[in-house]
Structures are given as C-alpha cells and as structure tokens.
Amino acid sequence: MRIGLWIDELRPFAEVVTAVEKAAAAGFTGAWIGDRAGWDALTLFAAVGDRGIDLGTAVTTTMPRHPLALAAQALTTQAATGGRLTLGIGPSHAPLVEGRFGLPFDRPATHTEEYLDILLPALAGGEADLDGRVLSGHGGVAAPGATAPPVLLAAHGPRMLRLAGERADGVLTTWTTPQAVAEHIVPVVTAAAAGRAAPQVVAGVILVLTDDPDGTRETVGAAFGPANDLPTYRRWLDRQGLAGAADTLVAGDERTLTAAVRAYADAGVTELQVVPVGTPAEVERTLALLPTLAT
C-alpha cells in the first residue's frame, strides 16, 4: 500500500512547493491537494512540475467546470509533470456548490455519469458526442504526446461507487474506517470493475503520532466539525455508526499507527492519503514514521 500526503495549499505558493518537495524527500509516494477556494490544484501542479513524486487532486470539483475544459487542463498538467498526475474528481456538496457558485446541485450522480461520458474520451485523445440530461459536450482536446491521467471518483454511495469501478480508475473516500472500506467500498467498486484493471482505492485518513489522543480528537472535532453536516458525509458517517468525522481519527503511539495502517491495507486500500494535524513536533514525528509503513 502506498502512503501519500495531503498538502495544505492555503498558504503562499512557495511554501506549497516546498511542502511537495519535502513530501518527496521524506519518502511519500504521492502529494494530494484539494479544491478549497485557494490555489487551483491543477495549475499549481503544472507550475510545480516533476518533483519526483506523484501528484493528485482530491478532489477537483466538477460542477463549475465543463468536462472538456477540465480535460484540457488535466492533459496540460499531465504533460508538465512528466505523467505524474492522478485526476480525482467529484461533484462536491450542495451547500458548497449552491452557496459558492450559485449553481443548482441537481442530480449529482447523473451529472457525474455524463461528466465521465465527455471527460474520458477527451482525455484518451478521442471525441465526446453527448447531449445528455444535464450535460452536453462535443469534440475533443488536441494535446499531442500527452497521456491520459488515471481518473478517480470521490464516492461513498452505491451508485457513485459503481461508477468509480465501471468507468473510472478507482475511488477516493474519506471519513472511512477500515471496516467500512472492507465491507462497503471495496466490494462494490471491485464488482463494478469486473473485467477491467483492479481499481485504486485511496482513503483520506488523519493519523497522528501523539501522547494526547483525547486532546487531538477534540482538536480534530473542532477543526473538521463542519464536515459532519454535509449531507453526503452525514449519510456516510451514519452508515458507519459514527457521531462525527473525528471518530475516524487514528491517534496514539507507533504501535497504534502501525496497526491502523495495516488494517487499511488489509481492507483493500491501495493508497492512504494522510492528513497531518497536531503540534509541529507531532506532525514532524508522524511524517517521519508513516513513509516507513508503506507496503
């Protein structure tokens, strides 16, 4: 199992570049950046270029971007990074799409299916030809020499998980325990991918090497509490029997973190996307330990 690092991009550009370089030097296999009203991840990665580490978006919001426009941007970034890009996409959440962009969050699963109908042919050098229920797209992208990056789909519900296996190269999941990966994520995605390459399963997890796990849990609960109220996450947390996102935190000593990493690997996760939190000393210790646990 690979171990990648989620990078906080809400800081000056030079600091983000330095963080990617440090992740590569520390032995992480991937650096991941999300879509949080800060730097555009794909543009940032294109500017960063090839730093000896794979680069992934987790996730690029699809609702405000036409799939042909995203295909052009992704292929440009793929070329600029020497083929190291993984394109993680998802429709996001109704409060964010409607509140920030003023767009209707209408039929997100249908939107995603039609989005893939346009995006995937364009990434592969072909042409899309779709007049769908929510999206239309015709034509392709001229990007000579560029190769299509893997496309991962943010998914937790059954229909989206099936799309991740049937159409995409795998799934991105968050606020997920090893048990939920093994019982709900992997079986659906793997069955849907029958006859295709084995799907990637990337799980975002907060792991902290700390002597104060209870205090860390309180900090995480306060910092990430808004995630509990987003409808998609709320349904997913309820399905796992969890009160909130902080219940997925892994915090404790080296033995605790090692056991958790093994549990995710045994559940079928192909890459952990580690989210660093804690004091500077805790983060430093955690980031020194985790790359040694990759299998």
Foldseek 3Di string as FASTA:
>chain_A
DAAAAEFDPQDDLVVSLVVQLVRQVLQHQEYEYEDDPHDDQLVSLLVSAANNHAYEYPAAADPVPQLQRVLQSNLSSCVSRVNRYEYEYANDFQCCCCVPVVDGCPPRLQVVVVSLQQNVQQQQVHWHADDDPVDGGTGHDDDPPGHRHFYEYADDDLSSLLCRQQRGQAYEYELDALVCLQPPRQVSSQVSNVPHPRHAYEYEAEEWEDPCLVVVLVVCCVVPVVLCPGVVSVVRCVVVVHPGSSVRHQYYHPVSVLVRVVSNVVSPHPYYHYYYDDDPVRSVVVSNRVSVSHD
